Amino acid sequence: MNDRMMKAVLYNRYGGPDVLYTGRVRRPEPSPGEILVKVHAFSVNGGELAARAGRLRLLTGRRFPKRVGLDFTGKVAALGGGVTRFAAGDRVWGVLGRTSGFGSAAEYVTVPADRTGRLPDGLDLVDAAALPVATTAVTALWGKAGLRPGERLLVRGAAGGVGNAAVQLGRAYGAEVTALARAANLAFVRGLGAHEAYDHRTVRPAELGRFDVVLDTVGTDLQACRRLLNPGGRMVTIAFDLTRPAASLGYLVASTVHGQGRVRFFSGNPTRADFDDLARRVADGQLRPAVDTVFALEDTAAAHRALEAGGVQGKYVVKVA
């Protein structure tokens, strides 16, 4: 077997989960400032599902084969020039940057050293793969919304990867946390620390009251969510409506200049400092990984199918090693 080749999850056309297959590609080599990571596990994220289905083809283009996988945990296999912070064998986690695209669904991945961090001692590599997206929750709650102790926080999509982290972190920080999720997931989000939890399909907005901060991970009905803000309230969304992308993005832009309660939209792009902060929060007990199901690399399509079906409690994780 050629040791310059590796397994990776690929697809040659846009479509459903069945377009995914496990193929062989050339193993990457780290450039200056990068590290080569032997991937142990990664999680499945909504953005890559949308990309695989072709909903983002204006951005992703028509050049195939394409890759999947955004985050990862693993061990450092090699160092690029100028990297002194890591050594071979170090346990790390990270997220591929916005310019890197997808590709962590593979045996190896190269990533800038300043986009990775060391795993906390004692944290399992598979469990840890559920946590890199928690950096998005941290940025949303404090970097964008400025959450303060005692404020009322509403989390939409509270059972998912970012949502479950936001519930845990908000509770640990002293916010009063209300969670919206599927009925089958309400006990799960209460167990994470939500003070109140409601079925998003049946609860009426008037029953929820007003909030100082709304964190949306769904992307739909943004205007209705915005109406739930107290005076001076802040709303952050990490998603937009993929069935109506132009209208949804247009609303987000308009909200920055019209009316009260600007809706802040962003996508996570964590740095080393974010992962160092995340490690401290895990060590302090503010955050624990929530893994729903672990899949094998060859079953990545099944993991995509499960996430599309809805009802995830935490993260679907794929084990590579």
Protein backbone atom coordinates (compact mmCIF):
# COMPACT_ATOMS: atom_id res chain seq x y z
CA MET A 1 0.00 0.00 0.00
CA ASN A 2 1.31 3.44 -0.95
CA ASP A 3 1.93 5.31 2.32
CA ARG A 4 1.60 8.59 0.43
CA MET A 5 -2.10 7.91 -0.05
CA MET A 6 -4.88 7.99 2.54
CA LYS A 7 -8.58 7.33 2.93
CA ALA A 8 -10.96 10.28 2.65
CA VAL A 9 -14.70 10.80 2.25
CA LEU A 10 -15.50 12.26 -1.17
CA TYR A 11 -18.38 13.02 -3.52
CA ASN A 12 -18.43 13.53 -7.30
CA ARG A 13 -21.79 15.31 -7.61
CA TYR A 14 -24.20 17.24 -5.46
CA GLY A 15 -27.01 15.27 -3.88
CA GLY A 16 -28.16 13.34 -0.84
CA PRO A 17 -26.00 11.40 1.61
CA ASP A 18 -25.71 8.49 -0.83
CA VAL A 19 -23.31 10.49 -3.05
CA LEU A 20 -20.63 10.10 -0.35
CA TYR A 21 -18.03 7.37 -0.66
CA THR A 22 -14.70 6.48 0.89
CA GLY A 23 -11.89 6.87 -1.63
CA ARG A 24 -8.14 7.38 -1.67
CA VAL A 25 -6.36 10.69 -2.15
CA ARG A 26 -2.82 11.89 -1.74
CA ARG A 27 -1.80 12.49 1.85
CA PRO A 28 -1.06 16.20 2.40
CA GLU A 29 2.27 17.59 3.59
CA PRO A 30 2.42 20.50 6.02
CA SER A 31 3.53 23.84 4.62
CA PRO A 32 5.41 26.38 6.76
CA GLY A 33 3.24 27.34 9.71
CA GLU A 34 1.10 24.19 9.43
CA ILE A 35 0.89 20.87 11.22
CA LEU A 36 -0.06 17.48 9.84
CA VAL A 37 -2.66 15.80 12.06
CA LYS A 38 -3.48 12.11 12.08
CA VAL A 39 -7.24 12.43 12.47
CA HIS A 40 -8.88 10.37 15.19
CA ALA A 41 -12.44 11.71 14.92
CA PHE A 42 -14.59 14.52 13.50
CA SER A 43 -18.22 15.59 13.83
CA VAL A 44 -20.91 16.19 11.24
CA ASN A 45 -22.03 19.81 10.83
CA GLY A 46 -25.02 21.37 9.14
CA GLY A 47 -22.97 23.56 6.82
CA GLU A 48 -21.31 20.63 5.11
CA LEU A 49 -24.71 18.97 4.58
CA ALA A 50 -25.90 22.09 2.78
CA ALA A 51 -22.71 22.17 0.69
CA ARG A 52 -22.98 18.49 -0.23
CA ALA A 53 -26.63 18.96 -1.28
CA GLY A 54 -25.63 21.81 -3.62
CA ARG A 55 -27.39 24.59 -1.73
CA LEU A 56 -24.16 26.58 -1.62
CA ARG A 57 -22.98 25.80 -5.14
CA LEU A 58 -22.50 29.49 -5.95
CA LEU A 59 -19.70 29.37 -3.37
CA THR A 60 -18.50 25.79 -3.74
CA GLY A 61 -18.53 25.62 -7.53
CA ARG A 62 -18.63 22.56 -9.78
CA ARG A 63 -15.14 21.17 -9.43
CA PHE A 64 -15.17 17.58 -8.17
CA PRO A 65 -14.39 15.45 -6.26
CA LYS A 66 -15.22 17.43 -3.15
CA ARG A 67 -14.54 16.68 0.50
CA VAL A 68 -16.48 16.80 3.76
CA GLY A 69 -15.49 17.33 7.39
CA LEU A 70 -14.93 20.64 9.14
CA ASP A 71 -13.54 19.92 12.61
CA PHE A 72 -11.26 17.23 14.01
CA THR A 73 -9.39 15.71 16.91
CA GLY A 74 -6.17 13.77 16.53
CA LYS A 75 -2.45 13.65 17.10
CA VAL A 76 0.30 15.72 15.51
CA ALA A 77 2.09 13.61 12.90
CA ALA A 78 4.51 16.18 11.44
CA LEU A 79 5.40 19.87 11.69
CA GLY A 80 5.78 22.42 8.97
CA GLY A 81 8.59 24.93 8.99
CA GLY A 82 8.57 27.46 11.82
CA VAL A 83 6.14 25.55 14.06
CA THR A 84 7.55 25.31 17.57
CA ARG A 85 4.43 25.22 19.73
CA PHE A 86 3.65 21.56 19.02
CA ALA A 87 5.57 18.30 18.95
CA ALA A 88 4.85 15.00 17.22
CA GLY A 89 2.31 13.02 19.25
CA ASP A 90 0.58 16.02 20.83
CA ARG A 91 -3.20 15.58 21.13
CA VAL A 92 -4.96 18.43 19.35
CA TRP A 93 -8.32 19.66 18.17
CA GLY A 94 -9.25 22.28 15.60
CA VAL A 95 -11.49 23.57 12.84
CA LEU A 96 -10.48 24.08 9.23
CA GLY A 97 -10.49 27.79 8.43
CA ARG A 98 -12.87 29.55 6.08
CA THR A 99 -10.30 29.52 3.29
CA SER A 100 -9.55 25.81 3.73
CA GLY A 101 -13.04 24.50 3.05
CA PHE A 102 -13.89 20.97 4.10
CA GLY A 103 -11.66 17.93 4.32
CA SER A 104 -11.24 16.62 7.86
CA ALA A 105 -13.15 13.44 6.99
CA ALA A 106 -9.86 11.72 6.22
CA GLU A 107 -6.97 9.91 7.83
CA TYR A 108 -4.80 13.04 7.80
CA VAL A 109 -5.35 16.76 7.51
CA THR A 110 -3.08 19.80 7.40
CA VAL A 111 -4.11 22.90 9.30
CA PRO A 112 -2.44 26.17 10.33
CA ALA A 113 -0.89 25.75 13.76
CA ASP A 114 -2.62 28.92 14.95
CA ARG A 115 -6.02 27.31 14.20
CA THR A 116 -5.52 24.42 16.61
CA GLY A 117 -5.16 23.82 20.33
CA ARG A 118 -4.10 21.11 22.74
CA LEU A 119 -6.78 18.86 24.18
CA PRO A 120 -7.33 19.02 27.93
CA ASP A 121 -5.78 16.10 29.80
CA GLY A 122 -8.15 13.20 30.33
CA LEU A 123 -10.56 14.18 27.55
CA ASP A 124 -11.22 11.28 25.18
CA LEU A 125 -10.41 11.96 21.53
CA VAL A 126 -13.82 10.75 20.32
CA ASP A 127 -15.78 12.68 22.93
CA ALA A 128 -13.68 15.76 22.24
CA ALA A 129 -14.79 15.79 18.60
CA ALA A 130 -18.19 17.04 19.78
CA LEU A 131 -16.66 20.23 21.20
CA PRO A 132 -14.77 22.31 18.58
CA VAL A 133 -18.07 23.92 17.48
CA ALA A 134 -18.52 25.10 21.07
CA THR A 135 -16.09 27.90 20.17
CA THR A 136 -18.97 29.29 18.09
CA ALA A 137 -21.22 29.34 21.15
CA VAL A 138 -18.57 31.17 23.17
CA THR A 139 -18.11 33.82 20.47
CA ALA A 140 -21.87 34.22 20.02
CA LEU A 141 -22.68 34.62 23.71
CA TRP A 142 -19.83 36.90 24.76
CA GLY A 143 -18.02 38.21 21.68
CA LYS A 144 -21.21 39.15 19.82
CA ALA A 145 -24.04 39.38 22.38
CA GLY A 146 -22.15 40.39 25.53
CA LEU A 147 -24.18 38.09 27.77
CA ARG A 148 -24.20 39.12 31.43
CA PRO A 149 -25.03 37.11 34.57
CA GLY A 150 -28.70 37.22 35.46
CA GLU A 151 -29.89 37.97 31.91
CA ARG A 152 -32.53 35.86 30.17
CA LEU A 153 -31.08 33.77 27.34
CA LEU A 154 -33.13 31.96 24.67
CA VAL A 155 -31.38 29.21 22.70
CA ARG A 156 -33.07 27.96 19.50
CA GLY A 157 -31.93 24.54 18.36
CA ALA A 158 -30.76 23.83 21.89
CA ALA A 159 -30.14 20.09 21.39
CA GLY A 160 -27.65 20.52 18.53
CA GLY A 161 -23.89 21.00 18.57
CA VAL A 162 -23.74 24.76 19.14
CA GLY A 163 -27.05 24.88 20.98
CA ASN A 164 -26.21 22.33 23.66
CA ALA A 165 -22.91 24.11 24.34
CA ALA A 166 -24.74 27.44 24.65
CA VAL A 167 -27.17 25.99 27.19
CA GLN A 168 -24.32 24.64 29.32
CA LEU A 169 -22.22 27.77 29.09
CA GLY A 170 -25.12 30.15 29.71
CA ARG A 171 -26.15 28.23 32.83
CA ALA A 172 -22.57 28.10 34.13
CA TYR A 173 -22.24 31.86 33.61
CA GLY A 174 -25.35 32.65 35.62
CA ALA A 175 -27.86 33.40 32.86
CA GLU A 176 -31.48 32.24 33.04
CA VAL A 177 -31.60 29.80 30.12
CA THR A 178 -34.68 28.91 28.09
CA ALA A 179 -34.25 26.21 25.45
CA LEU A 180 -36.28 25.46 22.32
CA ALA A 181 -35.95 21.95 20.90
CA ARG A 182 -37.97 18.98 19.72
CA ALA A 183 -40.31 17.41 22.26
CA ALA A 184 -38.17 14.25 22.37
CA ASN A 185 -35.11 16.34 23.30
CA LEU A 186 -36.56 18.42 26.13
CA ALA A 187 -35.32 16.14 28.91
CA PHE A 188 -31.87 16.20 27.30
CA VAL A 189 -31.61 20.01 27.28
CA ARG A 190 -32.97 20.24 30.81
CA GLY A 191 -30.22 17.84 31.83
CA LEU A 192 -27.69 20.24 30.31
CA GLY A 193 -28.89 23.01 32.62
CA ALA A 194 -31.79 24.75 30.88
CA HIS A 195 -34.11 26.35 33.43
CA GLU A 196 -37.03 26.00 31.01
CA ALA A 197 -37.42 23.91 27.84
CA TYR A 198 -40.21 24.01 25.26
CA ASP A 199 -41.20 22.12 22.13
CA HIS A 200 -40.43 24.59 19.35
CA ARG A 201 -43.32 23.24 17.24
CA THR A 202 -46.09 23.87 19.77
CA VAL A 203 -45.05 26.71 22.08
CA ARG A 204 -46.47 30.16 21.36
CA PRO A 205 -44.08 33.14 21.48
CA ALA A 206 -46.31 34.88 24.03
CA GLU A 207 -45.66 32.01 26.44
CA LEU A 208 -41.91 32.59 26.35
CA GLY A 209 -41.77 36.19 27.54
CA ARG A 210 -38.92 38.55 26.69
CA PHE A 211 -35.20 37.93 26.52
CA ASP A 212 -32.01 39.90 26.80
CA VAL A 213 -30.15 37.58 24.41
CA VAL A 214 -31.45 35.24 21.71
CA LEU A 215 -29.05 32.73 20.14
CA ASP A 216 -30.46 31.18 16.97
CA THR A 217 -28.90 28.11 15.35
CA VAL A 218 -31.81 27.42 12.98
CA GLY A 219 -32.00 30.38 10.59
CA THR A 220 -35.78 30.49 10.05
CA ASP A 221 -38.42 32.85 11.50
CA LEU A 222 -35.77 35.37 12.47
CA GLN A 223 -38.18 38.28 12.52
CA ALA A 224 -40.47 36.54 15.01
CA CYS A 225 -37.50 35.74 17.24
CA ARG A 226 -36.34 39.33 17.11
CA ARG A 227 -39.67 40.47 18.53
CA LEU A 228 -38.90 38.53 21.73
CA LEU A 229 -36.05 40.89 22.66
CA ASN A 230 -36.23 43.23 25.62
CA PRO A 231 -35.26 46.86 24.99
CA GLY A 232 -31.51 46.73 24.61
CA GLY A 233 -31.68 43.02 23.81
CA ARG A 234 -29.28 41.34 21.41
CA MET A 235 -29.85 38.54 18.91
CA VAL A 236 -27.18 36.41 17.26
CA THR A 237 -27.75 33.83 14.53
CA ILE A 238 -25.25 31.41 13.04
CA ALA A 239 -27.61 30.26 10.27
CA PHE A 240 -29.89 31.58 7.56
CA ASP A 241 -32.88 30.07 5.78
CA LEU A 242 -31.42 27.89 3.00
CA THR A 243 -34.85 27.57 1.36
CA ARG A 244 -34.98 31.36 0.92
CA PRO A 245 -31.32 32.43 1.06
CA ALA A 246 -31.66 35.80 -0.68
CA ALA A 247 -34.61 36.92 1.45
CA SER A 248 -33.06 35.59 4.65
CA LEU A 249 -29.70 37.26 4.08
CA GLY A 250 -31.47 40.44 2.97
CA TYR A 251 -33.34 40.55 6.28
CA LEU A 252 -30.10 40.10 8.22
CA VAL A 253 -28.53 43.03 6.37
CA ALA A 254 -31.62 45.20 6.82
CA SER A 255 -31.79 44.46 10.54
CA THR A 256 -28.43 46.15 11.05
CA VAL A 257 -29.85 49.54 10.05
CA HIS A 258 -33.61 49.38 10.70
CA GLY A 259 -35.38 49.03 14.04
CA GLN A 260 -34.20 48.03 17.46
CA GLY A 261 -32.41 44.82 18.30
CA ARG A 262 -29.91 44.31 15.48
CA VAL A 263 -29.49 40.67 14.45
CA ARG A 264 -25.83 39.73 14.33
CA PHE A 265 -24.88 36.97 11.89
CA PHE A 266 -21.51 35.23 11.83
CA SER A 267 -19.86 31.91 11.06
CA GLY A 268 -17.26 30.42 13.37
CA ASN A 269 -13.59 30.76 12.44
CA PRO A 270 -11.78 29.91 15.70
CA THR A 271 -8.14 30.60 16.46
CA ARG A 272 -5.64 29.12 18.92
CA ALA A 273 -6.84 31.53 21.61
CA ASP A 274 -10.41 30.25 21.18
CA PHE A 275 -9.29 26.65 21.67
CA ASP A 276 -7.19 27.58 24.69
CA ASP A 277 -10.27 29.27 26.17
CA LEU A 278 -12.39 26.22 25.33
CA ALA A 279 -9.90 23.93 27.08
CA ARG A 280 -10.11 26.07 30.23
CA ARG A 281 -13.90 25.93 30.21
CA VAL A 282 -13.83 22.14 29.89
CA ALA A 283 -11.27 21.85 32.68
CA ASP A 284 -13.38 24.14 34.90
CA GLY A 285 -16.45 21.97 34.40
CA GLN A 286 -18.47 24.59 32.51
CA LEU A 287 -18.80 22.35 29.47
CA ARG A 288 -18.94 18.65 28.76
CA PRO A 289 -19.12 16.84 25.42
CA ALA A 290 -22.50 15.54 24.27
CA VAL A 291 -22.07 12.69 21.76
CA ASP A 292 -25.25 11.20 20.32
CA THR A 293 -23.83 8.38 18.18
CA VAL A 294 -20.38 7.34 16.92
CA PHE A 295 -20.04 6.19 13.30
CA ALA A 296 -17.16 4.60 11.39
CA LEU A 297 -15.49 6.52 8.55
CA GLU A 298 -17.10 4.23 5.97
CA ASP A 299 -20.50 5.11 7.48
CA THR A 300 -20.17 8.88 7.08
CA ALA A 301 -23.17 8.86 4.73
CA ALA A 302 -25.26 7.33 7.52
CA ALA A 303 -24.12 10.11 9.86
CA HIS A 304 -25.20 12.72 7.29
CA ARG A 305 -28.53 10.95 6.88
CA ALA A 306 -29.09 10.90 10.63
CA LEU A 307 -28.37 14.62 11.02
CA GLU A 308 -30.71 15.47 8.14
CA ALA A 309 -33.47 13.44 9.80
CA GLY A 310 -33.30 15.71 12.85
CA GLY A 311 -33.50 14.90 16.52
CA VAL A 312 -29.78 14.84 17.32
CA GLN A 313 -28.82 15.17 20.97
CA GLY A 314 -25.44 16.85 20.87
CA LYS A 315 -23.26 15.70 17.98
CA TYR A 316 -22.88 12.81 15.58
CA VAL A 317 -19.19 11.88 15.64
CA VAL A 318 -17.25 9.84 13.09
CA LYS A 319 -14.27 7.84 14.34
CA VAL A 320 -11.44 7.57 11.83
CA ALA A 321 -8.61 5.87 13.72
